[in-house]
Amino acid sequence: MSMSNEYQPINCDDYDSLEATCQQHLTLTLELRNGETLTGKAKDIVSRKQVEYLMVEENGTLRELRLDHIVSFSNPGIGKVVVSES
């Protein structure tokens, strides 16, 4: 990922996998580029001003995570997916 703040779309297969986790409301463990790791329920993917976000419910709070800030996501049912740029 580039060090600029410009959004870098993720690989289509990874996007589709995230979309499926939202449809199933799976609980994911996510690793972010800033080193943070969190666990939350995948809710939706939204797009604003050509930037895509994963909506995750973490401890009752809804968070927006830029897709290009996600390093990986995992769930026992799907295993671990390492996210790559398109």
C-alpha atoms as a PDB file:
ATOM      1  CA  MET A   1       0.000   0.000   0.000  1.00  0.00           C
ATOM      2  CA  SER A   2       1.199   3.457  -0.805  1.00  0.00           C
ATOM      3  CA  MET A   3       2.009   5.718   2.133  1.00  0.00           C
ATOM      4  CA  SER A   4      -0.296   8.426   0.771  1.00  0.00           C
ATOM      5  CA  ASN A   5      -3.828   8.828   2.073  1.00  0.00           C
ATOM      6  CA  GLU A   6      -5.249   8.068  -1.391  1.00  0.00           C
ATOM      7  CA  TYR A   7      -7.608   5.092  -1.350  1.00  0.00           C
ATOM      8  CA  GLN A   8      -6.227   1.928  -2.953  1.00  0.00           C
ATOM      9  CA  PRO A   9      -9.015  -0.537  -3.906  1.00  0.00           C
ATOM     10  CA  ILE A  10      -8.548  -4.068  -2.615  1.00  0.00           C
ATOM     11  CA  ASN A  11      -8.515  -7.238  -4.723  1.00  0.00           C
ATOM     12  CA  CYS A  12     -11.995  -8.218  -5.996  1.00  0.00           C
ATOM     13  CA  ASP A  13     -11.813 -11.706  -4.449  1.00  0.00           C
ATOM     14  CA  ASP A  14     -11.012 -10.194  -1.030  1.00  0.00           C
ATOM     15  CA  TYR A  15     -13.868  -7.704  -1.452  1.00  0.00           C
ATOM     16  CA  ASP A  16     -16.255 -10.555  -2.311  1.00  0.00           C
ATOM     17  CA  SER A  17     -15.082 -12.495   0.767  1.00  0.00           C
ATOM     18  CA  LEU A  18     -15.724  -9.471   2.999  1.00  0.00           C
ATOM     19  CA  GLU A  19     -19.130  -8.978   1.415  1.00  0.00           C
ATOM     20  CA  ALA A  20     -20.001 -12.613   2.184  1.00  0.00           C
ATOM     21  CA  THR A  21     -18.968 -12.162   5.826  1.00  0.00           C
ATOM     22  CA  CYS A  22     -21.370  -9.215   6.047  1.00  0.00           C
ATOM     23  CA  GLN A  23     -24.238 -11.232   4.569  1.00  0.00           C
ATOM     24  CA  GLN A  24     -23.620 -13.936   7.176  1.00  0.00           C
ATOM     25  CA  HIS A  25     -22.947 -11.407   9.995  1.00  0.00           C
ATOM     26  CA  LEU A  26     -19.769 -13.311  10.869  1.00  0.00           C
ATOM     27  CA  THR A  27     -17.566 -12.303  13.760  1.00  0.00           C
ATOM     28  CA  LEU A  28     -14.143 -11.458  12.357  1.00  0.00           C
ATOM     29  CA  THR A  29     -10.720 -10.903  13.827  1.00  0.00           C
ATOM     30  CA  LEU A  30      -9.194  -8.064  11.810  1.00  0.00           C
ATOM     31  CA  GLU A  31      -5.586  -6.902  11.615  1.00  0.00           C
ATOM     32  CA  LEU A  32      -5.139  -3.284  10.540  1.00  0.00           C
ATOM     33  CA  ARG A  33      -2.154  -1.585   8.920  1.00  0.00           C
ATOM     34  CA  ASN A  34      -1.621   0.564  12.039  1.00  0.00           C
ATOM     35  CA  GLY A  35      -0.948  -2.619  14.069  1.00  0.00           C
ATOM     36  CA  GLU A  36      -4.356  -2.733  15.770  1.00  0.00           C
ATOM     37  CA  THR A  37      -6.164  -6.059  16.058  1.00  0.00           C
ATOM     38  CA  LEU A  38      -9.889  -6.132  16.767  1.00  0.00           C
ATOM     39  CA  THR A  39     -12.778  -8.551  16.840  1.00  0.00           C
ATOM     40  CA  GLY A  40     -16.226  -7.544  15.674  1.00  0.00           C
ATOM     41  CA  LYS A  41     -19.298  -8.583  13.728  1.00  0.00           C
ATOM     42  CA  ALA A  42     -19.235  -7.727  10.014  1.00  0.00           C
ATOM     43  CA  LYS A  43     -22.308  -5.617   9.217  1.00  0.00           C
ATOM     44  CA  ASP A  44     -22.004  -3.935   5.816  1.00  0.00           C
ATOM     45  CA  ILE A  45     -19.696  -2.403   3.228  1.00  0.00           C
ATOM     46  CA  VAL A  46     -20.380   1.215   2.357  1.00  0.00           C
ATOM     47  CA  SER A  47     -18.826   3.625  -0.119  1.00  0.00           C
ATOM     48  CA  ARG A  48     -18.382   7.359   0.419  1.00  0.00           C
ATOM     49  CA  LYS A  49     -16.509   9.679  -1.922  1.00  0.00           C
ATOM     50  CA  GLN A  50     -14.905   6.710  -3.731  1.00  0.00           C
ATOM     51  CA  VAL A  51     -13.597   5.170  -0.474  1.00  0.00           C
ATOM     52  CA  GLU A  52     -14.986   1.835   0.718  1.00  0.00           C
ATOM     53  CA  TYR A  53     -15.484   0.990   4.393  1.00  0.00           C
ATOM     54  CA  LEU A  54     -16.301  -2.179   6.304  1.00  0.00           C
ATOM     55  CA  MET A  55     -18.872  -1.536   9.027  1.00  0.00           C
ATOM     56  CA  VAL A  56     -18.011  -3.652  12.076  1.00  0.00           C
ATOM     57  CA  GLU A  57     -19.855  -3.872  15.382  1.00  0.00           C
ATOM     58  CA  GLU A  58     -17.289  -4.074  18.167  1.00  0.00           C
ATOM     59  CA  ASN A  59     -18.541  -4.293  21.761  1.00  0.00           C
ATOM     60  CA  GLY A  60     -21.857  -2.694  20.799  1.00  0.00           C
ATOM     61  CA  THR A  61     -20.200   0.173  18.893  1.00  0.00           C
ATOM     62  CA  LEU A  62     -20.259   0.504  15.104  1.00  0.00           C
ATOM     63  CA  ARG A  63     -16.853   1.237  13.537  1.00  0.00           C
ATOM     64  CA  GLU A  64     -15.949   2.121   9.963  1.00  0.00           C
ATOM     65  CA  LEU A  65     -12.731   0.553   8.702  1.00  0.00           C
ATOM     66  CA  ARG A  66     -11.259   1.583   5.364  1.00  0.00           C
ATOM     67  CA  LEU A  67     -10.866  -1.554   3.287  1.00  0.00           C
ATOM     68  CA  ASP A  68      -7.336  -0.577   2.274  1.00  0.00           C
ATOM     69  CA  HIS A  69      -6.358  -0.325   5.959  1.00  0.00           C
ATOM     70  CA  ILE A  70      -7.214  -3.998   6.590  1.00  0.00           C
ATOM     71  CA  VAL A  71      -4.200  -6.342   6.444  1.00  0.00           C
ATOM     72  CA  SER A  72      -6.160  -9.531   7.109  1.00  0.00           C
ATOM     73  CA  PHE A  73      -9.408 -10.901   8.470  1.00  0.00           C
ATOM     74  CA  SER A  74     -10.248 -14.306   9.863  1.00  0.00           C
ATOM     75  CA  ASN A  75     -13.050 -16.458  11.196  1.00  0.00           C
ATOM     76  CA  PRO A  76     -12.934 -20.160  12.135  1.00  0.00           C
ATOM     77  CA  GLY A  77     -15.384 -20.973   9.327  1.00  0.00           C
ATOM     78  CA  ILE A  78     -13.415 -19.245   6.555  1.00  0.00           C
ATOM     79  CA  GLY A  79      -9.838 -19.268   7.843  1.00  0.00           C
ATOM     80  CA  LYS A  80      -7.520 -16.295   7.446  1.00  0.00           C
ATOM     81  CA  VAL A  81      -7.635 -14.019   4.396  1.00  0.00           C
ATOM     82  CA  VAL A  82      -4.685 -11.699   3.737  1.00  0.00           C
ATOM     83  CA  VAL A  83      -5.960  -8.644   1.876  1.00  0.00           C
ATOM     84  CA  SER A  84      -4.124  -7.438  -1.216  1.00  0.00           C
ATOM     85  CA  GLU A  85      -4.526  -4.402  -3.432  1.00  0.00           C
ATOM     86  CA  SER A  86      -6.245  -4.815  -6.779  1.00  0.00           C
END
